[in-house]
């Protein structure tokens, strides 16, 4: 095992490139590989929770887990916000050769994330039963919703740090280290899930404990790494608290916050209407689809995490040629990846549905049918997610936030709430793919409008 891990370290190190190095499509994919694998690993161990709960605890606890999980993702979006906004600002300072200021901003970002997360966690823990009831939890699901949610809330600081460092480890030119930490976190979660759910029959409590343990590994190991002397570009130090810099990070990362809030609200709305039309089977089917979505979307998220600091660095260095290349290569790579993912999703719909719902014929039938419909989202998702990440990397938080909010908060939420009124319950599964098609058109228009301003078009 140690030999295999050492070999992986050598391979991952070979994939690393400095932020200042000019990229080709091949180099860009190699540079993004650690971050992509890191995000896929995180998604897989999230899926493991659902697999064990569904198969060893039953569909009611499984539905409860999926009903409350969007709330946890919403709370964890603070880490995504500060990671995206903070790393863009820090990488831009690196491009401007202002290393000391970059490290000061990094320290401010970590402290602010921990403090803000602690306050939000305390409030959420108190009001979680009310939130669960508001989301439509019935008496059978309520105990599992509350116990699972509260355990995850207790580990929210680690979750936010994990989300924060996913971005900063790339900015620090240590994506390989981030990937290995993620593997360790995932293995921790999987082992504990197998022990606590399959052997000790702890149900959703076991799943929550396993998840929190994995998040502590993923959040605290990078924290201790940056607190010590290290050979990366970043180190946590005591220093002046830059209020304006924090404001800039929040404003720039607000798109990621809006993105996660909107996605969580859309998930809550979907669960509410699915519960009304299909009962627990509807929530369970959507939960299974979301697990697969997490893995497929992880490719796009990981790619964006890897390419964003390079975009910010090129912006800070005034290198418009590299900015054009990064934009052009990204559009090609993500467009091709979307086509491949759609084909895979359609091919895997039946076997994946059997893996999660084979024990229940009604749940299996609904999941398989919904799977084929929902898979269309992958045709549009990559470019849509890149649009928000691209403008965040350009330190234009306003445009990034508008793209996220319109696609998720307006297009998706409106489609979820309205289409079923006209076309019936099945239309709920068409709502998100249809909204993302509209989002793709919007992103392409916005790219064209801002191309000359930032110089990433051929004619600039």
Protein backbone atom coordinates (compact mmCIF):
# COMPACT_ATOMS: atom_id res chain seq x y z
CA UNK A 1 0.00 0.00 0.00
CA UNK A 2 2.83 2.39 0.91
CA UNK A 3 4.57 1.61 -2.37
CA UNK A 4 1.38 2.30 -4.34
CA UNK A 5 0.85 5.59 -2.51
CA UNK A 6 4.45 6.64 -3.21
CA UNK A 7 3.97 5.85 -6.91
CA UNK A 8 0.77 7.93 -6.99
CA UNK A 9 2.65 10.83 -5.37
CA UNK A 10 5.31 10.72 -8.10
CA UNK A 11 2.69 10.67 -10.86
CA UNK A 12 0.70 13.52 -9.31
CA UNK A 13 3.85 15.60 -8.83
CA UNK A 14 4.62 15.22 -12.53
CA UNK A 15 1.23 16.74 -13.33
CA UNK A 16 2.00 19.97 -11.47
CA UNK A 17 2.76 23.18 -13.35
CA UNK A 18 3.53 26.64 -11.91
CA UNK A 19 0.75 29.21 -12.25
CA UNK A 20 3.02 31.25 -14.51
CA UNK A 21 3.56 28.47 -17.08
CA UNK A 22 1.84 28.80 -20.48
CA UNK A 23 -0.79 26.11 -21.01
CA UNK A 24 -1.59 23.84 -23.93
CA UNK A 25 -4.79 21.72 -23.88
CA UNK A 26 -2.73 18.69 -22.85
CA UNK A 27 -0.94 20.58 -20.07
CA UNK A 28 -4.20 22.09 -18.88
CA UNK A 29 -5.85 18.69 -18.53
CA UNK A 30 -2.79 17.30 -16.76
CA UNK A 31 -2.70 20.28 -14.39
CA UNK A 32 -6.41 19.90 -13.68
CA UNK A 33 -6.25 16.15 -13.06
CA UNK A 34 -5.41 16.31 -9.30
CA UNK A 35 -8.26 18.76 -8.65
CA UNK A 36 -10.69 16.73 -10.76
CA UNK A 37 -9.76 13.53 -8.94
CA UNK A 38 -10.02 15.36 -5.63
CA UNK A 39 -13.58 16.51 -6.35
CA UNK A 40 -14.61 13.11 -7.71
CA UNK A 41 -13.25 11.48 -4.54
CA UNK A 42 -15.28 13.85 -2.38
CA UNK A 43 -18.38 13.08 -4.43
CA UNK A 44 -17.86 9.34 -4.23
CA UNK A 45 -17.64 9.26 -0.47
CA UNK A 46 -20.78 11.39 -0.30
CA UNK A 47 -22.46 8.77 -2.49
CA UNK A 48 -21.31 6.01 -0.14
CA UNK A 49 -23.51 7.43 2.63
CA UNK A 50 -26.57 7.07 0.43
CA UNK A 51 -25.60 3.60 -0.76
CA UNK A 52 -25.20 2.20 2.74
CA UNK A 53 -28.28 3.92 4.19
CA UNK A 54 -30.49 2.89 1.26
CA UNK A 55 -29.39 -0.75 1.30
CA UNK A 56 -28.94 -1.33 5.05
CA UNK A 57 -31.40 1.08 6.70
CA UNK A 58 -34.28 1.34 4.20
CA UNK A 59 -35.93 3.91 2.00
CA UNK A 60 -37.48 6.03 4.79
CA UNK A 61 -34.09 6.88 6.39
CA UNK A 62 -32.69 7.28 2.87
CA UNK A 63 -35.43 9.78 1.99
CA UNK A 64 -34.82 11.63 5.29
CA UNK A 65 -31.10 11.91 4.52
CA UNK A 66 -31.79 13.35 1.06
CA UNK A 67 -34.44 15.73 2.36
CA UNK A 68 -32.14 17.43 4.88
CA UNK A 69 -28.80 17.24 3.02
CA UNK A 70 -29.42 20.36 0.87
CA UNK A 71 -29.57 22.37 4.11
CA UNK A 72 -26.09 21.14 5.05
CA UNK A 73 -24.78 21.99 1.58
CA UNK A 74 -26.23 25.47 1.95
CA UNK A 75 -24.38 25.96 5.25
CA UNK A 76 -21.18 24.56 3.75
CA UNK A 77 -21.38 27.08 0.92
CA UNK A 78 -19.59 29.60 3.17
CA UNK A 79 -16.40 27.64 2.58
CA UNK A 80 -17.00 27.54 -1.18
CA UNK A 81 -17.63 31.30 -1.19
CA UNK A 82 -14.48 32.23 0.70
CA UNK A 83 -12.38 29.67 -1.16
CA UNK A 84 -13.41 30.90 -4.60
CA UNK A 85 -13.34 34.63 -3.77
CA UNK A 86 -10.23 34.44 -1.61
CA UNK A 87 -8.12 32.30 -3.94
CA UNK A 88 -8.93 34.56 -6.91
CA UNK A 89 -7.71 37.62 -5.00
CA UNK A 90 -4.61 35.82 -3.68
CA UNK A 91 -3.69 34.41 -7.11
CA UNK A 92 -4.05 37.87 -8.66
CA UNK A 93 -1.63 39.22 -6.03
CA UNK A 94 0.83 36.46 -6.94
CA UNK A 95 0.56 37.55 -10.58
CA UNK A 96 1.37 41.10 -9.46
CA UNK A 97 4.39 39.77 -7.44
CA UNK A 98 2.87 40.86 -4.10
CA UNK A 99 3.52 37.67 -2.11
CA UNK A 100 3.39 39.12 1.40
CA UNK A 101 0.01 40.70 0.79
CA UNK A 102 -1.23 37.45 -0.73
CA UNK A 103 -0.31 35.51 2.42
CA UNK A 104 -1.92 38.13 4.65
CA UNK A 105 -5.15 37.88 2.68
CA UNK A 106 -5.01 34.08 2.91
CA UNK A 107 -4.77 34.20 6.72
CA UNK A 108 -7.63 36.67 6.95
CA UNK A 109 -9.77 34.41 4.77
CA UNK A 110 -9.22 31.33 6.96
CA UNK A 111 -9.97 33.15 10.23
CA UNK A 112 -13.10 34.80 8.84
CA UNK A 113 -14.41 31.48 7.48
CA UNK A 114 -14.01 29.74 10.85
CA UNK A 115 -15.67 32.58 12.79
CA UNK A 116 -18.61 33.03 10.43
CA UNK A 117 -19.17 29.28 10.18
CA UNK A 118 -19.33 28.90 13.97
CA UNK A 119 -22.09 31.51 14.27
CA UNK A 120 -24.14 30.00 11.45
CA UNK A 121 -23.74 26.49 12.90
CA UNK A 122 -25.12 27.51 16.29
CA UNK A 123 -28.22 29.07 14.74
CA UNK A 124 -28.83 26.14 12.38
CA UNK A 125 -28.51 23.55 15.16
CA UNK A 126 -31.28 25.23 17.17
CA UNK A 127 -33.75 25.63 14.33
CA UNK A 128 -33.10 22.39 12.42
CA UNK A 129 -36.37 20.65 13.49
CA UNK A 130 -38.36 23.64 12.23
CA UNK A 131 -36.42 23.60 8.96
CA UNK A 132 -37.04 19.88 8.47
CA UNK A 133 -40.77 20.30 9.03
CA UNK A 134 -40.84 23.24 6.64
CA UNK A 135 -39.22 21.07 3.96
CA UNK A 136 -42.03 18.54 4.22
CA UNK A 137 -40.64 15.91 6.60
CA UNK A 138 -43.44 13.69 7.91
CA UNK A 139 -43.52 12.05 11.34
CA UNK A 140 -41.72 8.92 10.09
CA UNK A 141 -38.83 10.89 8.57
CA UNK A 142 -38.50 13.60 11.23
CA UNK A 143 -36.23 11.81 13.78
CA UNK A 144 -33.75 10.76 11.09
CA UNK A 145 -33.74 14.25 9.53
CA UNK A 146 -32.91 15.89 12.84
CA UNK A 147 -30.31 13.39 14.08
CA UNK A 148 -28.46 13.27 10.74
CA UNK A 149 -28.58 17.04 10.25
CA UNK A 150 -27.45 17.98 13.75
CA UNK A 151 -24.43 15.70 13.68
CA UNK A 152 -23.35 17.21 10.37
CA UNK A 153 -23.88 20.72 11.74
CA UNK A 154 -21.52 19.93 14.63
CA UNK A 155 -18.87 19.17 12.02
CA UNK A 156 -19.62 22.21 9.88
CA UNK A 157 -16.35 24.02 10.68
CA UNK A 158 -14.38 21.12 9.24
CA UNK A 159 -16.69 21.00 6.20
CA UNK A 160 -16.21 24.71 5.49
CA UNK A 161 -12.43 24.42 5.86
CA UNK A 162 -12.40 21.46 3.51
CA UNK A 163 -14.33 23.46 0.91
CA UNK A 164 -12.06 26.48 1.46
CA UNK A 165 -8.78 24.59 1.06
CA UNK A 166 -9.91 22.83 -2.12
CA UNK A 167 -9.32 26.16 -3.85
CA UNK A 168 -6.29 27.36 -1.93
CA UNK A 169 -4.29 24.14 -2.35
CA UNK A 170 -4.42 24.74 -6.11
CA UNK A 171 -3.41 28.38 -5.66
CA UNK A 172 -0.54 27.20 -3.45
CA UNK A 173 0.54 24.91 -6.33
CA UNK A 174 -0.15 21.83 -4.18
CA UNK A 175 -3.12 20.14 -5.91
CA UNK A 176 -1.44 16.73 -5.52
CA UNK A 177 -1.37 17.18 -1.74
CA UNK A 178 -5.05 18.14 -1.82
CA UNK A 179 -5.89 15.02 -3.78
CA UNK A 180 -4.08 12.73 -1.34
CA UNK A 181 -5.78 14.37 1.65
CA UNK A 182 -9.12 13.87 -0.05
CA UNK A 183 -8.38 10.19 -0.65
CA UNK A 184 -7.55 9.79 3.05
CA UNK A 185 -10.77 11.60 4.01
CA UNK A 186 -12.80 9.42 1.66
CA UNK A 187 -11.31 6.17 2.95
CA UNK A 188 -12.07 7.30 6.51
CA UNK A 189 -15.71 7.95 5.62
CA UNK A 190 -16.17 4.70 3.68
CA UNK A 191 -14.65 2.52 6.43
CA UNK A 192 -16.76 4.15 9.13
CA UNK A 193 -19.91 3.85 7.00
CA UNK A 194 -19.30 0.14 6.53
CA UNK A 195 -18.70 -0.38 10.25
CA UNK A 196 -21.37 1.89 11.72
CA UNK A 197 -24.19 1.30 9.20
CA UNK A 198 -23.68 -2.23 7.88
CA UNK A 199 -22.31 -3.86 11.05
CA UNK A 200 -23.60 -1.81 14.00
CA UNK A 201 -26.90 -0.80 12.28
CA UNK A 202 -26.64 2.86 13.32
CA UNK A 203 -28.50 4.08 10.22
CA UNK A 204 -28.31 7.81 9.43
CA UNK A 205 -26.40 8.51 12.66
CA UNK A 206 -23.62 6.22 11.48
CA UNK A 207 -23.63 7.91 8.08
CA UNK A 208 -23.36 11.35 9.68
CA UNK A 209 -20.50 10.31 11.99
CA UNK A 210 -18.59 8.84 9.05
CA UNK A 211 -19.11 12.00 6.99
CA UNK A 212 -17.97 14.32 9.78
CA UNK A 213 -14.87 12.19 10.42
CA UNK A 214 -13.95 12.41 6.74
CA UNK A 215 -14.53 16.17 6.72
CA UNK A 216 -12.26 16.60 9.75
CA UNK A 217 -9.48 14.82 7.88
CA UNK A 218 -10.11 16.93 4.77
CA UNK A 219 -10.34 20.23 6.67
CA UNK A 220 -7.83 19.99 9.51
CA UNK A 221 -4.85 18.34 7.78
CA UNK A 222 -4.50 21.27 5.29
CA UNK A 223 -5.00 23.69 8.18
CA UNK A 224 -2.08 22.20 10.11
CA UNK A 225 -0.04 22.05 6.90
CA UNK A 226 -0.40 25.78 6.25
CA UNK A 227 0.25 26.63 9.92
CA UNK A 228 3.68 24.97 9.69
CA UNK A 229 6.66 25.88 7.55
CA UNK A 230 6.07 24.41 4.10
CA UNK A 231 7.37 24.63 0.56
CA UNK A 232 4.13 25.97 -0.96
CA UNK A 233 3.34 29.54 -1.98
CA UNK A 234 1.11 30.04 1.09
CA UNK A 235 1.52 29.97 4.85
CA UNK A 236 -0.80 31.04 7.67
CA UNK A 237 0.68 33.86 9.74
CA UNK A 238 -0.52 36.37 12.26
CA UNK A 239 -1.07 39.75 10.74
CA UNK A 240 -3.29 42.75 10.22
CA UNK A 241 -6.94 42.05 9.49
CA UNK A 242 -7.74 43.59 6.10
CA UNK A 243 -11.45 44.42 6.22
CA UNK A 244 -11.52 45.69 2.64
CA UNK A 245 -9.85 42.51 1.40
CA UNK A 246 -12.43 40.38 3.22
CA UNK A 247 -15.17 42.47 1.66
CA UNK A 248 -13.62 41.92 -1.77
CA UNK A 249 -13.40 38.15 -1.16
CA UNK A 250 -17.03 37.99 -0.03
CA UNK A 251 -18.21 40.07 -2.98
CA UNK A 252 -16.15 38.08 -5.47
CA UNK A 253 -17.06 34.71 -3.98
CA UNK A 254 -20.72 35.67 -3.58
CA UNK A 255 -21.45 33.93 -6.86
CA UNK A 256 -20.37 30.60 -5.32
CA UNK A 257 -22.49 31.35 -2.26
CA UNK A 258 -25.48 32.25 -4.43
CA UNK A 259 -24.76 29.19 -6.55
CA UNK A 260 -24.88 26.85 -3.56
CA UNK A 261 -27.83 28.59 -1.92
CA UNK A 262 -29.81 28.51 -5.15
CA UNK A 263 -28.92 24.87 -5.79
CA UNK A 264 -29.97 23.98 -2.25
CA UNK A 265 -33.26 25.86 -2.58
CA UNK A 266 -33.93 24.15 -5.93
CA UNK A 267 -33.24 20.76 -4.31
CA UNK A 268 -35.58 21.60 -1.46
CA UNK A 269 -38.30 22.62 -3.91
CA UNK A 270 -37.77 19.46 -5.97
CA UNK A 271 -38.03 17.29 -2.86
CA UNK A 272 -41.18 19.11 -1.77
CA UNK A 273 -43.01 18.57 -5.08
CA UNK A 274 -41.68 15.03 -5.52
CA UNK A 275 -42.94 14.19 -2.04
CA UNK A 276 -46.34 15.56 -3.02
CA UNK A 277 -46.55 13.62 -6.31
CA UNK A 278 -44.63 10.42 -5.61
CA UNK A 279 -44.12 10.23 -1.83
CA UNK A 280 -40.89 8.79 -0.42
CA UNK A 281 -40.12 7.11 -3.76
CA UNK A 282 -39.90 10.50 -5.47
CA UNK A 283 -37.43 11.89 -2.91
CA UNK A 284 -35.45 8.66 -3.01
CA UNK A 285 -35.26 8.62 -6.82
CA UNK A 286 -34.08 12.22 -6.94
CA UNK A 287 -31.51 11.47 -4.24
CA UNK A 288 -30.05 8.64 -6.31
CA UNK A 289 -29.90 10.88 -9.39
CA UNK A 290 -28.14 13.56 -7.32
CA UNK A 291 -25.46 11.12 -6.19
CA UNK A 292 -24.59 10.41 -9.81
CA UNK A 293 -24.81 14.13 -10.60
CA UNK A 294 -22.26 14.78 -7.83
CA UNK A 295 -19.73 12.48 -9.46
CA UNK A 296 -20.26 13.83 -12.98
CA UNK A 297 -20.36 17.48 -11.88
CA UNK A 298 -17.18 16.87 -9.85
CA UNK A 299 -15.25 16.78 -13.13
CA UNK A 300 -16.44 20.29 -13.98
CA UNK A 301 -15.97 21.61 -10.43
CA UNK A 302 -12.48 20.15 -10.20
CA UNK A 303 -11.54 21.56 -13.58
CA UNK A 304 -12.79 25.02 -12.59
CA UNK A 305 -10.93 24.87 -9.27
CA UNK A 306 -7.73 24.09 -11.19
CA UNK A 307 -8.08 26.64 -13.99
CA UNK A 308 -9.40 29.58 -11.92
CA UNK A 309 -6.07 30.52 -10.23
CA UNK A 310 -4.36 30.42 -13.65
CA UNK A 311 -6.96 32.81 -15.03
CA UNK A 312 -6.50 35.14 -12.05
CA UNK A 313 -2.70 34.95 -12.37
CA UNK A 314 -2.86 35.75 -16.11
CA UNK A 315 -5.15 38.69 -15.31
CA UNK A 316 -2.78 40.04 -12.65
CA UNK A 317 0.23 39.59 -14.95
CA UNK A 318 -1.55 41.29 -17.87
CA UNK A 319 -1.00 38.22 -20.06
CA UNK A 320 -3.95 38.44 -22.47
CA UNK A 321 -2.59 35.77 -24.77
CA UNK A 322 -2.63 33.21 -21.97
CA UNK A 323 -6.10 34.41 -20.89
CA UNK A 324 -7.39 33.80 -24.44
CA UNK A 325 -5.85 30.35 -24.52
CA UNK A 326 -7.29 29.37 -21.13
CA UNK A 327 -10.76 30.48 -22.18
CA UNK A 328 -10.65 28.78 -25.59
CA UNK A 329 -9.22 25.50 -24.33
CA UNK A 330 -11.72 25.41 -21.47
CA UNK A 331 -14.71 25.83 -23.75
CA UNK A 332 -13.52 22.96 -25.96
CA UNK A 333 -12.65 20.63 -23.07
CA UNK A 334 -15.88 21.24 -21.13
CA UNK A 335 -18.10 21.00 -24.21
CA UNK A 336 -16.57 17.64 -25.17
CA UNK A 337 -16.78 16.39 -21.58
CA UNK A 338 -20.50 17.20 -21.50
CA UNK A 339 -21.20 15.06 -24.55
CA UNK A 340 -19.21 12.16 -23.11
CA UNK A 341 -20.95 12.41 -19.74
CA UNK A 342 -24.40 12.43 -21.33
CA UNK A 343 -23.57 9.22 -23.20
CA UNK A 344 -22.23 7.57 -20.03
CA UNK A 345 -25.24 8.64 -17.96
CA UNK A 346 -27.68 7.16 -20.45
CA UNK A 347 -25.70 3.91 -20.65
CA UNK A 348 -25.41 3.57 -16.86
CA UNK A 349 -28.99 4.53 -15.95
CA UNK A 350 -30.23 0.97 -15.46
CA UNK A 351 -27.23 -0.55 -13.59
CA UNK A 352 -26.85 2.45 -11.29
CA UNK A 353 -30.57 2.45 -10.48
CA UNK A 354 -30.33 -1.25 -9.59
CA UNK A 355 -27.32 -0.59 -7.34
CA UNK A 356 -29.26 1.86 -5.18
CA UNK A 357 -32.89 0.76 -5.52
CA UNK A 358 -32.86 -2.86 -6.64
CA UNK A 359 -34.52 -3.95 -3.39
CA UNK A 360 -37.75 -2.00 -4.13
CA UNK A 361 -39.52 -2.45 -7.54
CA UNK A 362 -41.50 0.82 -7.39
CA UNK A 363 -38.48 2.92 -6.41
CA UNK A 364 -36.39 1.16 -9.06
CA UNK A 365 -38.89 1.85 -11.86
CA UNK A 366 -39.23 5.54 -10.99
CA UNK A 367 -35.47 6.01 -10.58
CA UNK A 368 -34.65 4.40 -13.93
CA UNK A 369 -37.24 6.46 -15.79
CA UNK A 370 -36.13 9.71 -14.15
CA UNK A 371 -32.48 8.88 -14.79
CA UNK A 372 -32.93 8.86 -18.58
CA UNK A 373 -34.67 12.24 -18.47
CA UNK A 374 -32.34 14.03 -16.06
CA UNK A 375 -29.17 12.95 -17.90
CA UNK A 376 -29.74 15.69 -20.50
CA UNK A 377 -28.38 18.21 -17.98
CA UNK A 378 -24.80 17.08 -18.66
CA UNK A 379 -24.96 18.49 -22.20
CA UNK A 380 -25.12 22.02 -20.76
CA UNK A 381 -23.69 21.80 -17.24
CA UNK A 382 -19.96 22.17 -17.96
CA UNK A 383 -20.17 25.50 -19.81
CA UNK A 384 -22.72 26.83 -17.33
CA UNK A 385 -20.54 26.08 -14.31
CA UNK A 386 -17.46 27.47 -16.07
CA UNK A 387 -19.24 30.77 -16.76
CA UNK A 388 -19.61 31.58 -13.09
CA UNK A 389 -16.11 30.32 -12.19
CA UNK A 390 -14.53 32.26 -15.07
CA UNK A 391 -15.86 35.64 -13.98
CA UNK A 392 -15.06 34.90 -10.33
CA UNK A 393 -11.46 34.24 -11.43
CA UNK A 394 -11.52 37.61 -13.25
CA UNK A 395 -12.53 39.16 -9.91
CA UNK A 396 -15.87 40.24 -11.37
CA UNK A 397 -18.14 38.91 -8.67
CA UNK A 398 -21.18 40.80 -9.92
CA UNK A 399 -21.33 39.11 -13.33
CA UNK A 400 -20.49 35.75 -11.79
CA UNK A 401 -23.25 36.12 -9.21
CA UNK A 402 -25.81 37.17 -11.81
CA UNK A 403 -25.00 34.14 -13.97
CA UNK A 404 -25.41 31.80 -11.00
CA UNK A 405 -28.56 33.43 -9.67
CA UNK A 406 -30.37 33.65 -13.00
CA UNK A 407 -29.57 30.05 -13.97
CA UNK A 408 -30.36 28.50 -10.59
CA UNK A 409 -32.51 30.99 -8.72
CA UNK A 410 -34.71 31.99 -11.67
CA UNK A 411 -34.50 29.44 -14.50
CA UNK A 412 -34.29 26.27 -12.39
CA UNK A 413 -36.58 27.31 -9.54
CA UNK A 414 -39.23 28.65 -11.92
CA UNK A 415 -39.10 25.49 -14.03
CA UNK A 416 -39.40 23.27 -10.95
CA UNK A 417 -42.34 25.25 -9.58
CA UNK A 418 -44.26 25.77 -12.83
CA UNK A 419 -43.71 22.97 -15.35
CA UNK A 420 -45.50 20.32 -13.29
CA UNK A 421 -48.61 22.53 -13.13
CA UNK A 422 -48.91 22.29 -16.92
CA UNK A 423 -47.43 18.88 -17.76
CA UNK A 424 -47.91 16.88 -14.54
CA UNK A 425 -45.55 15.33 -11.99
CA UNK A 426 -43.15 13.79 -14.52
CA UNK A 427 -42.26 17.29 -15.74
CA UNK A 428 -40.38 17.87 -12.48
CA UNK A 429 -37.56 15.70 -13.81
CA UNK A 430 -37.42 17.73 -17.04
CA UNK A 431 -37.26 21.06 -15.20
CA UNK A 432 -33.55 21.20 -14.37
CA UNK A 433 -32.26 20.09 -17.81
CA UNK A 434 -34.57 22.61 -19.49
CA UNK A 435 -33.37 25.41 -17.18
CA UNK A 436 -29.74 24.56 -17.92
CA UNK A 437 -30.40 24.77 -21.65
CA UNK A 438 -31.60 28.34 -21.06
CA UNK A 439 -28.54 28.90 -18.87
CA UNK A 440 -26.22 27.83 -21.69
CA UNK A 441 -27.72 30.42 -24.04
CA UNK A 442 -27.33 33.10 -21.34
CA UNK A 443 -23.69 32.21 -20.67
CA UNK A 444 -22.75 32.31 -24.35
CA UNK A 445 -24.31 35.76 -24.70
CA UNK A 446 -22.46 37.07 -21.60
CA UNK A 447 -19.15 35.62 -22.83
CA UNK A 448 -19.59 37.54 -26.08
CA UNK A 449 -20.50 40.78 -24.29
CA UNK A 450 -17.40 40.84 -22.04
CA UNK A 451 -14.83 39.35 -24.42
CA UNK A 452 -13.30 42.68 -25.51
CA UNK A 453 -13.23 44.13 -22.00
CA UNK A 454 -11.01 41.34 -20.67
CA UNK A 455 -9.30 40.44 -23.91
CA UNK A 456 -10.10 36.73 -24.09
CA UNK A 457 -11.59 36.87 -27.60
CA UNK A 458 -9.56 36.36 -30.77
CA UNK A 459 -10.31 39.91 -31.93
CA UNK A 460 -9.29 41.61 -28.68
